[in-house]
Amino acid sequence: MAKASQKKGKGTSGARIRHAAHPLPWFRTTRFLYSAVVGGVLVIGIVVGTGLGLWLSPSGTGTSPQSTVPIRQSDIDDVTLPKGPPLPVIVQGSETAKRLYEESLANQPEALRPNPNEAPAQAAKPDLIAALPAPLALPDPEPATPENSKPETGISDAPAVVDPGPMADPNTWLANAVPLTPDPGMPMIALIFDDLGIDQAHSRQAINLPAPLTLAFLTYGHHLQEMVTAARQRGHEILVHFPMAPLDLSVDPGPNALQRELGPQEILRRLDWGLSQFSGYIGINNHMGSRFTADSEGMRLVLSELKRRGLIFVDSVTTSGSKGYSTAAALGMPYAVRDVFLDNTIDPDAIRKQLSRVEDTARRQGYAIAIGHPHPETLAVVSEWMKTARAQGFQLVPVSTIIRLQQGSPRS
């Protein structure tokens, strides 16, 4: 038996027995195991990555910020707006943007715009001034305009979508106007200083100039009521300098600017917000606005509300396509039109040249309205000019005096 066991593995013939090799199952092959390991790692990576994405996504829903979500397009006028005034925008227009905008005004073709304020050529200046009503006296109501003789302004007669509310006294503005009786035969000049309320030092320098000036304070300025009160105590007249959209939308007119795309409700709400920033004004003029003032419907909406409140509008004419003054005329509300910009070029000699243009305009039509800004150069040159203005035959007046002249004089 022991001998037999020692020969285990051999056959009876003494030859070694060869066992047949059985192939491994497919799931135990090296290639499959390698693929399975790699695939498992990939699956685990995908699962872990997806889980982290869901956990870290801002919305908590796993929606990628880059995913495309269809947005329902609707008419902006149909959007229900929240109640209350709009919140002021914190970021204000940069000084560089303002300077670029003011410099661009030099390219405006002033001579191309019609001037509805211009008196008939045959009317003598003393007669016009004699027709001026007494200070703060209420002018006669405008006669009704026949339907077939309305001026063509391109303004839609469609009713406004916003109820404007009850009509105020149309002469409310006169309560805040500076009372002044012009000297017969003396050409009048109204100087308006825009952009007040941001640069406190230069704004106060403008306030300290001899009266009467017309000072326009931005709706988003600082210490507005304090400065307006000080200005009125010194004998100056006040406007709200209202930001409106310019043609170049990269130039920021400031918080709560009027833009046609906002829709009537938001435009009126922003107008109300701006008019509530301080009191004591006679009306508004536009800050920038070369885009908004060229829109007939937008200007009709705004000016209709100003008329309802008994306020006036001074068109700064920042574009030759402005519809501001023609719309105001069609509505029968008090208004005025800027004649000359003083500081398109912020240089003392250039400003003096513009003041000469103001004088020429005043001699020609009996009055002139000029707009400047509280730049150190403008303040210095205007202060110097004011010392000799009367000796040169000119009377400095607030803009309300010229508006009352228009209301008391025949117009073609």
Protein backbone atom coordinates (compact mmCIF):
# COMPACT_ATOMS: atom_id res chain seq x y z
CA MET A 1 0.00 0.00 0.00
CA ALA A 2 2.81 2.38 0.82
CA LYS A 3 4.44 1.69 -2.46
CA ALA A 4 1.23 2.26 -4.27
CA SER A 5 0.71 5.60 -2.55
CA GLN A 6 4.17 6.78 -3.47
CA LYS A 7 3.33 6.25 -7.13
CA LYS A 8 0.25 8.38 -6.95
CA GLY A 9 -0.31 10.37 -10.08
CA LYS A 10 0.89 7.69 -12.44
CA GLY A 11 -1.19 5.27 -14.38
CA THR A 12 -0.88 1.53 -14.43
CA SER A 13 1.63 1.86 -17.21
CA GLY A 14 3.76 4.16 -15.10
CA ALA A 15 3.10 7.28 -17.22
CA ARG A 16 2.14 10.65 -15.55
CA ILE A 17 -1.52 11.47 -15.82
CA ARG A 18 -2.25 14.93 -17.44
CA HIS A 19 -5.36 16.63 -16.08
CA ALA A 20 -7.33 18.70 -18.65
CA ALA A 21 -7.13 22.52 -17.96
CA HIS A 22 -10.60 24.06 -17.44
CA PRO A 23 -10.95 27.80 -18.64
CA LEU A 24 -11.79 30.50 -16.00
CA PRO A 25 -15.32 31.98 -16.02
CA TRP A 26 -15.64 35.28 -17.94
CA PHE A 27 -16.32 37.26 -14.79
CA ARG A 28 -12.99 36.15 -13.30
CA THR A 29 -10.79 37.22 -16.21
CA THR A 30 -8.21 39.99 -15.67
CA ARG A 31 -9.68 42.19 -18.43
CA PHE A 32 -13.15 42.13 -16.92
CA LEU A 33 -11.90 42.79 -13.41
CA TYR A 34 -9.88 45.81 -14.64
CA SER A 35 -12.87 47.22 -16.55
CA ALA A 36 -15.13 46.67 -13.57
CA VAL A 37 -12.78 48.51 -11.23
CA VAL A 38 -12.44 51.48 -13.62
CA GLY A 39 -16.18 51.60 -14.24
CA GLY A 40 -16.89 51.47 -10.54
CA VAL A 41 -14.55 54.37 -9.87
CA LEU A 42 -16.25 56.42 -12.59
CA VAL A 43 -19.71 55.68 -11.24
CA ILE A 44 -18.64 56.60 -7.72
CA GLY A 45 -17.12 59.84 -9.03
CA ILE A 46 -20.31 60.76 -10.87
CA VAL A 47 -22.45 60.02 -7.84
CA VAL A 48 -20.19 62.00 -5.50
CA GLY A 49 -19.95 64.93 -7.93
CA THR A 50 -23.71 65.08 -8.44
CA GLY A 51 -24.30 64.92 -4.72
CA LEU A 52 -21.89 67.76 -4.05
CA GLY A 53 -23.49 69.80 -6.82
CA LEU A 54 -26.95 69.35 -5.33
CA TRP A 55 -25.67 70.20 -1.88
CA LEU A 56 -23.70 73.29 -2.92
CA SER A 57 -26.13 74.72 -5.51
CA PRO A 58 -27.36 78.25 -4.48
CA SER A 59 -31.02 77.46 -5.03
CA GLY A 60 -30.92 74.13 -3.35
CA THR A 61 -32.76 72.62 -6.32
CA GLY A 62 -29.72 71.60 -8.30
CA THR A 63 -30.54 73.91 -11.20
CA SER A 64 -27.36 75.09 -12.85
CA PRO A 65 -26.97 78.89 -13.09
CA GLN A 66 -26.21 78.38 -16.78
CA SER A 67 -29.31 76.26 -17.47
CA THR A 68 -31.82 77.75 -19.86
CA VAL A 69 -35.18 78.47 -18.28
CA PRO A 70 -37.95 79.86 -20.46
CA ILE A 71 -39.20 83.24 -19.19
CA ARG A 72 -42.70 84.39 -19.93
CA GLN A 73 -42.59 87.63 -21.88
CA SER A 74 -45.33 90.08 -20.94
CA ASP A 75 -46.11 93.69 -21.55
CA ILE A 76 -44.35 95.75 -18.89
CA ASP A 77 -47.43 97.92 -18.39
CA ASP A 78 -49.33 94.84 -17.21
CA VAL A 79 -46.88 94.06 -14.42
CA THR A 80 -48.28 94.66 -10.94
CA LEU A 81 -45.88 97.02 -9.20
CA PRO A 82 -45.28 97.00 -5.44
CA LYS A 83 -46.75 99.84 -3.45
CA GLY A 84 -44.68 102.71 -2.16
CA PRO A 85 -41.88 104.81 -3.67
CA PRO A 86 -38.96 103.13 -5.41
CA LEU A 87 -35.84 102.65 -3.37
CA PRO A 88 -32.96 104.98 -4.25
CA VAL A 89 -30.14 103.41 -6.19
CA ILE A 90 -26.93 103.51 -4.18
CA VAL A 91 -24.51 103.72 -7.10
CA GLN A 92 -24.57 107.18 -8.64
CA GLY A 93 -23.25 108.42 -11.96
CA SER A 94 -19.52 108.95 -12.01
CA GLU A 95 -18.00 112.41 -12.39
CA THR A 96 -16.26 111.21 -15.56
CA ALA A 97 -19.57 110.17 -17.11
CA LYS A 98 -21.13 113.53 -16.22
CA ARG A 99 -18.18 115.41 -17.70
CA LEU A 100 -18.32 113.39 -20.94
CA TYR A 101 -22.04 114.07 -21.18
CA GLU A 102 -21.67 117.80 -20.64
CA GLU A 103 -18.90 117.98 -23.22
CA SER A 104 -21.09 116.15 -25.74
CA LEU A 105 -23.68 118.93 -25.47
CA ALA A 106 -21.34 121.16 -27.46
CA ASN A 107 -22.29 119.16 -30.56
CA GLN A 108 -26.01 119.88 -30.26
CA PRO A 109 -27.29 121.89 -33.26
CA GLU A 110 -29.06 124.60 -31.28
CA ALA A 111 -29.91 126.63 -34.38
CA LEU A 112 -31.96 123.74 -35.83
CA ARG A 113 -34.55 123.69 -33.07
CA PRO A 114 -37.62 125.95 -33.33
CA ASN A 115 -38.00 128.34 -30.43
CA PRO A 116 -41.67 128.59 -29.47
CA ASN A 117 -40.80 131.33 -26.98
CA GLU A 118 -39.66 133.76 -29.63
CA ALA A 119 -41.94 136.78 -29.94
CA PRO A 120 -43.21 138.00 -33.34
CA ALA A 121 -40.58 140.07 -35.12
CA GLN A 122 -42.77 143.16 -35.26
CA ALA A 123 -43.47 143.19 -31.52
CA ALA A 124 -41.52 145.88 -29.69
CA LYS A 125 -39.71 144.83 -26.51
CA PRO A 126 -41.17 147.61 -24.32
CA ASP A 127 -44.69 146.46 -25.27
CA LEU A 128 -43.84 142.88 -24.29
CA ILE A 129 -42.51 143.91 -20.92
CA ALA A 130 -45.45 146.20 -20.31
CA ALA A 131 -47.73 143.21 -20.89
CA LEU A 132 -46.11 141.31 -18.03
CA PRO A 133 -48.59 140.78 -15.19
CA ALA A 134 -47.71 141.96 -11.71
CA PRO A 135 -45.63 139.57 -9.60
CA LEU A 136 -47.67 136.65 -8.24
CA ALA A 137 -50.79 137.89 -10.06
CA LEU A 138 -52.77 135.07 -11.60
CA PRO A 139 -52.83 135.25 -15.42
CA ASP A 140 -56.06 134.94 -17.37
CA PRO A 141 -56.98 131.36 -18.26
CA GLU A 142 -55.95 130.20 -21.72
CA PRO A 143 -58.78 130.28 -24.29
CA ALA A 144 -60.00 126.92 -25.51
CA THR A 145 -58.23 125.73 -28.65
CA PRO A 146 -60.53 124.57 -31.46
CA GLU A 147 -60.23 120.86 -32.13
CA ASN A 148 -59.28 121.38 -35.77
CA SER A 149 -56.49 123.83 -34.99
CA LYS A 150 -54.45 121.77 -32.52
CA PRO A 151 -50.73 121.85 -33.27
CA GLU A 152 -49.34 118.66 -34.75
CA THR A 153 -47.16 117.18 -32.03
CA GLY A 154 -47.33 113.47 -32.85
CA ILE A 155 -48.78 112.80 -29.39
CA SER A 156 -51.34 110.04 -29.06
CA ASP A 157 -54.80 111.01 -27.79
CA ALA A 158 -55.16 107.63 -26.09
CA PRO A 159 -56.21 107.97 -22.44
CA ALA A 160 -53.52 107.50 -19.82
CA VAL A 161 -53.52 104.14 -18.07
CA VAL A 162 -52.91 105.79 -14.71
CA ASP A 163 -55.53 107.92 -12.98
CA PRO A 164 -53.76 111.25 -12.41
CA GLY A 165 -56.01 112.36 -9.56
CA PRO A 166 -57.68 115.75 -8.99
CA MET A 167 -56.37 118.89 -10.67
CA ALA A 168 -54.50 121.33 -8.43
CA ASP A 169 -54.50 125.10 -8.79
CA PRO A 170 -52.76 125.68 -12.16
CA ASN A 171 -50.84 128.59 -10.63
CA THR A 172 -49.42 126.75 -7.62
CA TRP A 173 -45.93 127.45 -8.95
CA LEU A 174 -46.42 131.19 -8.45
CA ALA A 175 -46.43 130.72 -4.68
CA ASN A 176 -42.74 129.73 -4.83
CA ALA A 177 -41.74 132.12 -7.63
CA VAL A 178 -39.45 135.04 -6.79
CA PRO A 179 -41.52 138.23 -7.23
CA LEU A 180 -39.77 140.66 -9.54
CA THR A 181 -40.98 143.41 -11.83
CA PRO A 182 -38.62 143.86 -14.79
CA ASP A 183 -37.43 147.28 -15.87
CA PRO A 184 -39.14 148.36 -19.11
CA GLY A 185 -36.91 148.19 -22.16
CA MET A 186 -34.08 146.31 -20.42
CA PRO A 187 -33.23 142.84 -21.84
CA MET A 188 -33.63 140.11 -19.22
CA ILE A 189 -31.27 137.21 -18.54
CA ALA A 190 -32.15 134.16 -16.44
CA LEU A 191 -29.19 132.07 -15.28
CA ILE A 192 -29.91 128.48 -14.21
CA PHE A 193 -27.34 126.45 -12.30
CA ASP A 194 -27.90 122.69 -12.74
CA ASP A 195 -26.54 119.64 -10.89
CA LEU A 196 -26.67 121.18 -7.43
CA GLY A 197 -26.77 119.01 -4.33
CA ILE A 198 -23.96 116.54 -5.06
CA ASP A 199 -20.80 118.61 -4.67
CA GLN A 200 -21.63 120.36 -1.41
CA ALA A 201 -18.88 122.98 -1.52
CA HIS A 202 -19.55 124.14 -5.08
CA SER A 203 -23.32 123.96 -4.56
CA ARG A 204 -23.00 126.35 -1.63
CA GLN A 205 -20.80 128.64 -3.72
CA ALA A 206 -23.63 128.86 -6.25
CA ILE A 207 -26.11 129.60 -3.46
CA ASN A 208 -23.87 132.43 -2.25
CA LEU A 209 -23.88 134.19 -5.64
CA PRO A 210 -25.98 137.37 -5.87
CA ALA A 211 -29.71 136.81 -6.42
CA PRO A 212 -31.84 136.23 -8.29
CA LEU A 213 -30.57 133.00 -9.85
CA THR A 214 -32.56 129.88 -10.64
CA LEU A 215 -30.97 126.90 -8.90
CA ALA A 216 -31.80 123.32 -9.97
CA PHE A 217 -31.15 120.63 -7.34
CA LEU A 218 -30.77 116.96 -8.28
CA THR A 219 -33.34 114.63 -6.75
CA TYR A 220 -30.61 112.40 -5.30
CA GLY A 221 -28.47 115.15 -3.79
CA HIS A 222 -27.49 115.49 -0.15
CA HIS A 223 -28.89 117.87 2.50
CA LEU A 224 -31.37 119.06 -0.11
CA GLN A 225 -33.99 120.79 2.02
CA GLU A 226 -31.32 122.56 4.05
CA MET A 227 -29.65 123.96 0.93
CA VAL A 228 -32.95 124.81 -0.78
CA THR A 229 -34.09 126.74 2.28
CA ALA A 230 -30.80 128.65 2.37
CA ALA A 231 -31.05 129.40 -1.35
CA ARG A 232 -34.60 130.74 -1.06
CA GLN A 233 -33.62 132.90 1.89
CA ARG A 234 -30.96 134.49 -0.31
CA GLY A 235 -33.58 135.30 -2.96
CA HIS A 236 -32.97 132.48 -5.45
CA GLU A 237 -35.63 130.49 -7.29
CA ILE A 238 -35.68 126.68 -7.18
CA LEU A 239 -36.18 123.90 -9.73
CA VAL A 240 -36.08 120.13 -9.33
CA HIS A 241 -33.33 118.87 -11.63
CA PHE A 242 -34.91 115.60 -12.72
CA PRO A 243 -32.76 112.74 -14.13
CA MET A 244 -33.97 111.37 -17.46
CA ALA A 245 -32.56 108.73 -19.79
CA PRO A 246 -29.90 109.94 -22.28
CA LEU A 247 -29.35 108.54 -25.77
CA ASP A 248 -26.14 106.90 -24.63
CA LEU A 249 -27.43 104.41 -22.07
CA SER A 250 -23.89 103.78 -20.84
CA VAL A 251 -24.03 107.24 -19.25
CA ASP A 252 -25.76 107.03 -15.88
CA PRO A 253 -28.17 109.93 -15.20
CA GLY A 254 -28.55 108.81 -11.59
CA PRO A 255 -31.06 106.95 -9.41
CA ASN A 256 -34.73 106.76 -10.37
CA ALA A 257 -34.25 108.33 -13.79
CA LEU A 258 -37.27 108.50 -16.07
CA GLN A 259 -37.22 105.93 -18.88
CA ARG A 260 -40.01 105.20 -21.34
CA GLU A 261 -39.53 101.43 -21.01
CA LEU A 262 -40.55 101.53 -17.35
CA GLY A 263 -44.22 101.97 -18.19
CA PRO A 264 -46.61 104.75 -17.07
CA GLN A 265 -47.10 103.58 -13.47
CA GLU A 266 -43.39 103.41 -12.68
CA ILE A 267 -42.67 106.70 -14.48
CA LEU A 268 -45.30 108.50 -12.41
CA ARG A 269 -44.10 106.82 -9.23
CA ARG A 270 -40.51 107.94 -9.89
CA LEU A 271 -41.76 111.43 -10.69
CA ASP A 272 -43.64 111.52 -7.39
CA TRP A 273 -40.55 110.27 -5.55
CA GLY A 274 -38.36 112.98 -7.06
CA LEU A 275 -40.86 115.73 -6.33
CA SER A 276 -41.04 114.62 -2.68
CA GLN A 277 -37.31 115.03 -1.95
CA PHE A 278 -37.67 118.70 -1.03
CA SER A 279 -40.15 121.56 -1.27
CA GLY A 280 -40.17 125.19 -2.36
CA TYR A 281 -39.71 124.71 -6.13
CA ILE A 282 -41.66 126.09 -9.08
CA GLY A 283 -41.22 123.05 -11.34
CA ILE A 284 -38.58 120.86 -12.96
CA ASN A 285 -35.98 120.83 -15.70
CA ASN A 286 -34.35 117.77 -17.22
CA HIS A 287 -30.98 116.35 -16.19
CA MET A 288 -29.62 114.71 -19.37
CA GLY A 289 -32.76 113.23 -21.00
CA SER A 290 -31.80 113.36 -24.68
CA ARG A 291 -33.60 110.01 -25.08
CA PHE A 292 -36.59 110.51 -22.80
CA THR A 293 -37.41 114.08 -23.85
CA ALA A 294 -37.50 112.94 -27.49
CA ASP A 295 -40.38 110.58 -26.66
CA SER A 296 -43.77 112.27 -27.13
CA GLU A 297 -45.79 109.83 -25.05
CA GLY A 298 -43.36 109.85 -22.15
CA MET A 299 -43.19 113.64 -22.08
CA ARG A 300 -46.95 113.97 -22.31
CA LEU A 301 -47.33 111.66 -19.31
CA VAL A 302 -44.81 113.60 -17.22
CA LEU A 303 -45.93 117.08 -18.25
CA SER A 304 -49.59 116.23 -17.73
CA GLU A 305 -48.76 115.32 -14.14
CA LEU A 306 -46.76 118.53 -13.70
CA LYS A 307 -49.69 120.53 -15.05
CA ARG A 308 -52.04 118.70 -12.66
CA ARG A 309 -49.80 119.75 -9.77
CA GLY A 310 -49.61 123.36 -10.98
CA LEU A 311 -45.89 123.24 -11.81
CA ILE A 312 -43.78 124.49 -14.74
CA PHE A 313 -41.27 122.80 -17.04
CA VAL A 314 -37.97 124.21 -18.30
CA ASP A 315 -36.73 122.28 -21.33
CA SER A 316 -32.95 122.09 -21.13
CA VAL A 317 -32.98 120.98 -24.80
CA THR A 318 -30.27 118.33 -24.56
CA THR A 319 -31.30 117.08 -28.01
CA SER A 320 -32.53 118.87 -31.11
CA GLY A 321 -35.34 116.29 -31.20
CA SER A 322 -36.79 117.27 -27.83
CA LYS A 323 -40.57 117.04 -27.58
CA GLY A 324 -40.60 118.77 -24.21
CA TYR A 325 -41.45 122.34 -25.15
CA SER A 326 -43.87 121.43 -27.95
CA THR A 327 -45.73 119.03 -25.64
CA ALA A 328 -45.93 121.66 -22.91
CA ALA A 329 -47.30 124.15 -25.43
CA ALA A 330 -49.91 121.65 -26.61
CA LEU A 331 -50.98 121.02 -23.01
CA GLY A 332 -51.28 124.74 -22.33
CA MET A 333 -48.98 124.65 -19.31
CA PRO A 334 -46.31 127.21 -18.31
CA TYR A 335 -42.85 126.39 -19.66
CA ALA A 336 -39.55 127.86 -20.80
CA VAL A 337 -36.76 126.82 -23.17
CA ARG A 338 -33.02 127.00 -22.65
CA ASP A 339 -31.21 129.27 -25.11
CA VAL A 340 -27.50 128.80 -24.33
CA PHE A 341 -25.31 126.34 -22.42
CA LEU A 342 -22.53 128.22 -20.66
CA ASP A 343 -19.97 125.50 -20.02
CA ASN A 344 -20.03 122.88 -22.75
CA THR A 345 -16.30 123.58 -22.75
CA ILE A 346 -15.08 124.07 -19.20
CA ASP A 347 -12.65 126.88 -19.87
CA PRO A 348 -12.92 130.50 -18.64
CA ASP A 349 -12.50 132.04 -22.10
CA ALA A 350 -15.04 129.63 -23.61
CA ILE A 351 -17.53 130.45 -20.84
CA ARG A 352 -17.08 134.19 -21.44
CA LYS A 353 -17.76 133.60 -25.13
CA GLN A 354 -20.99 131.79 -24.24
CA LEU A 355 -22.03 134.67 -22.00
CA SER A 356 -21.58 136.97 -25.00
CA ARG A 357 -24.00 134.71 -26.88
CA VAL A 358 -26.44 135.06 -23.98
CA GLU A 359 -26.20 138.84 -24.24
CA ASP A 360 -26.77 138.77 -28.01
CA THR A 361 -29.81 136.53 -27.57
CA ALA A 362 -31.27 138.80 -24.88
CA ARG A 363 -30.83 141.89 -27.08
CA ARG A 364 -32.48 140.13 -30.01
CA GLN A 365 -35.57 138.62 -28.32
CA GLY A 366 -35.81 140.64 -25.11
CA TYR A 367 -34.68 137.82 -22.81
CA ALA A 368 -32.37 134.81 -22.69
CA ILE A 369 -32.19 131.66 -20.58
CA ALA A 370 -28.74 130.19 -19.95
CA ILE A 371 -27.76 127.00 -18.12
CA GLY A 372 -24.46 126.40 -16.36
CA HIS A 373 -23.04 123.95 -13.84
CA PRO A 374 -21.23 124.44 -10.52
CA HIS A 375 -17.73 124.00 -11.94
CA PRO A 376 -15.13 126.28 -10.35
CA GLU A 377 -14.48 127.91 -13.73
CA THR A 378 -18.17 128.62 -14.34
CA LEU A 379 -18.74 129.97 -10.84
CA ALA A 380 -15.75 132.31 -11.12
CA VAL A 381 -16.62 133.67 -14.58
CA VAL A 382 -20.33 134.12 -13.81
CA SER A 383 -19.54 135.86 -10.53
CA GLU A 384 -17.29 138.29 -12.40
CA TRP A 385 -19.87 138.84 -15.16
CA MET A 386 -22.70 139.54 -12.72
CA LYS A 387 -20.83 142.54 -11.30
CA THR A 388 -21.13 144.45 -14.59
CA ALA A 389 -24.29 142.93 -16.11
CA ARG A 390 -26.59 145.79 -15.19
CA ALA A 391 -24.07 148.40 -16.28
CA GLN A 392 -24.00 146.62 -19.65
CA GLY A 393 -27.78 147.06 -19.91
CA PHE A 394 -29.06 143.65 -18.73
CA GLN A 395 -31.37 142.74 -15.88
CA LEU A 396 -30.87 139.44 -14.06
CA VAL A 397 -34.22 137.74 -13.44
CA PRO A 398 -35.50 134.36 -12.23
CA VAL A 399 -36.87 132.10 -14.93
CA SER A 400 -40.41 132.59 -13.59
CA THR A 401 -40.31 136.23 -14.71
CA ILE A 402 -39.74 135.14 -18.31
CA ILE A 403 -42.52 132.55 -18.05
CA ARG A 404 -44.95 135.18 -16.78
CA LEU A 405 -43.85 137.37 -19.68
CA GLN A 406 -44.77 134.59 -22.09
CA GLN A 407 -48.17 134.14 -20.47
CA GLY A 408 -48.87 137.85 -20.59
CA SER A 409 -47.72 138.34 -24.19
CA PRO A 410 -49.27 137.30 -27.49
CA ARG A 411 -47.57 134.38 -29.23
CA SER A 412 -47.67 133.42 -32.88
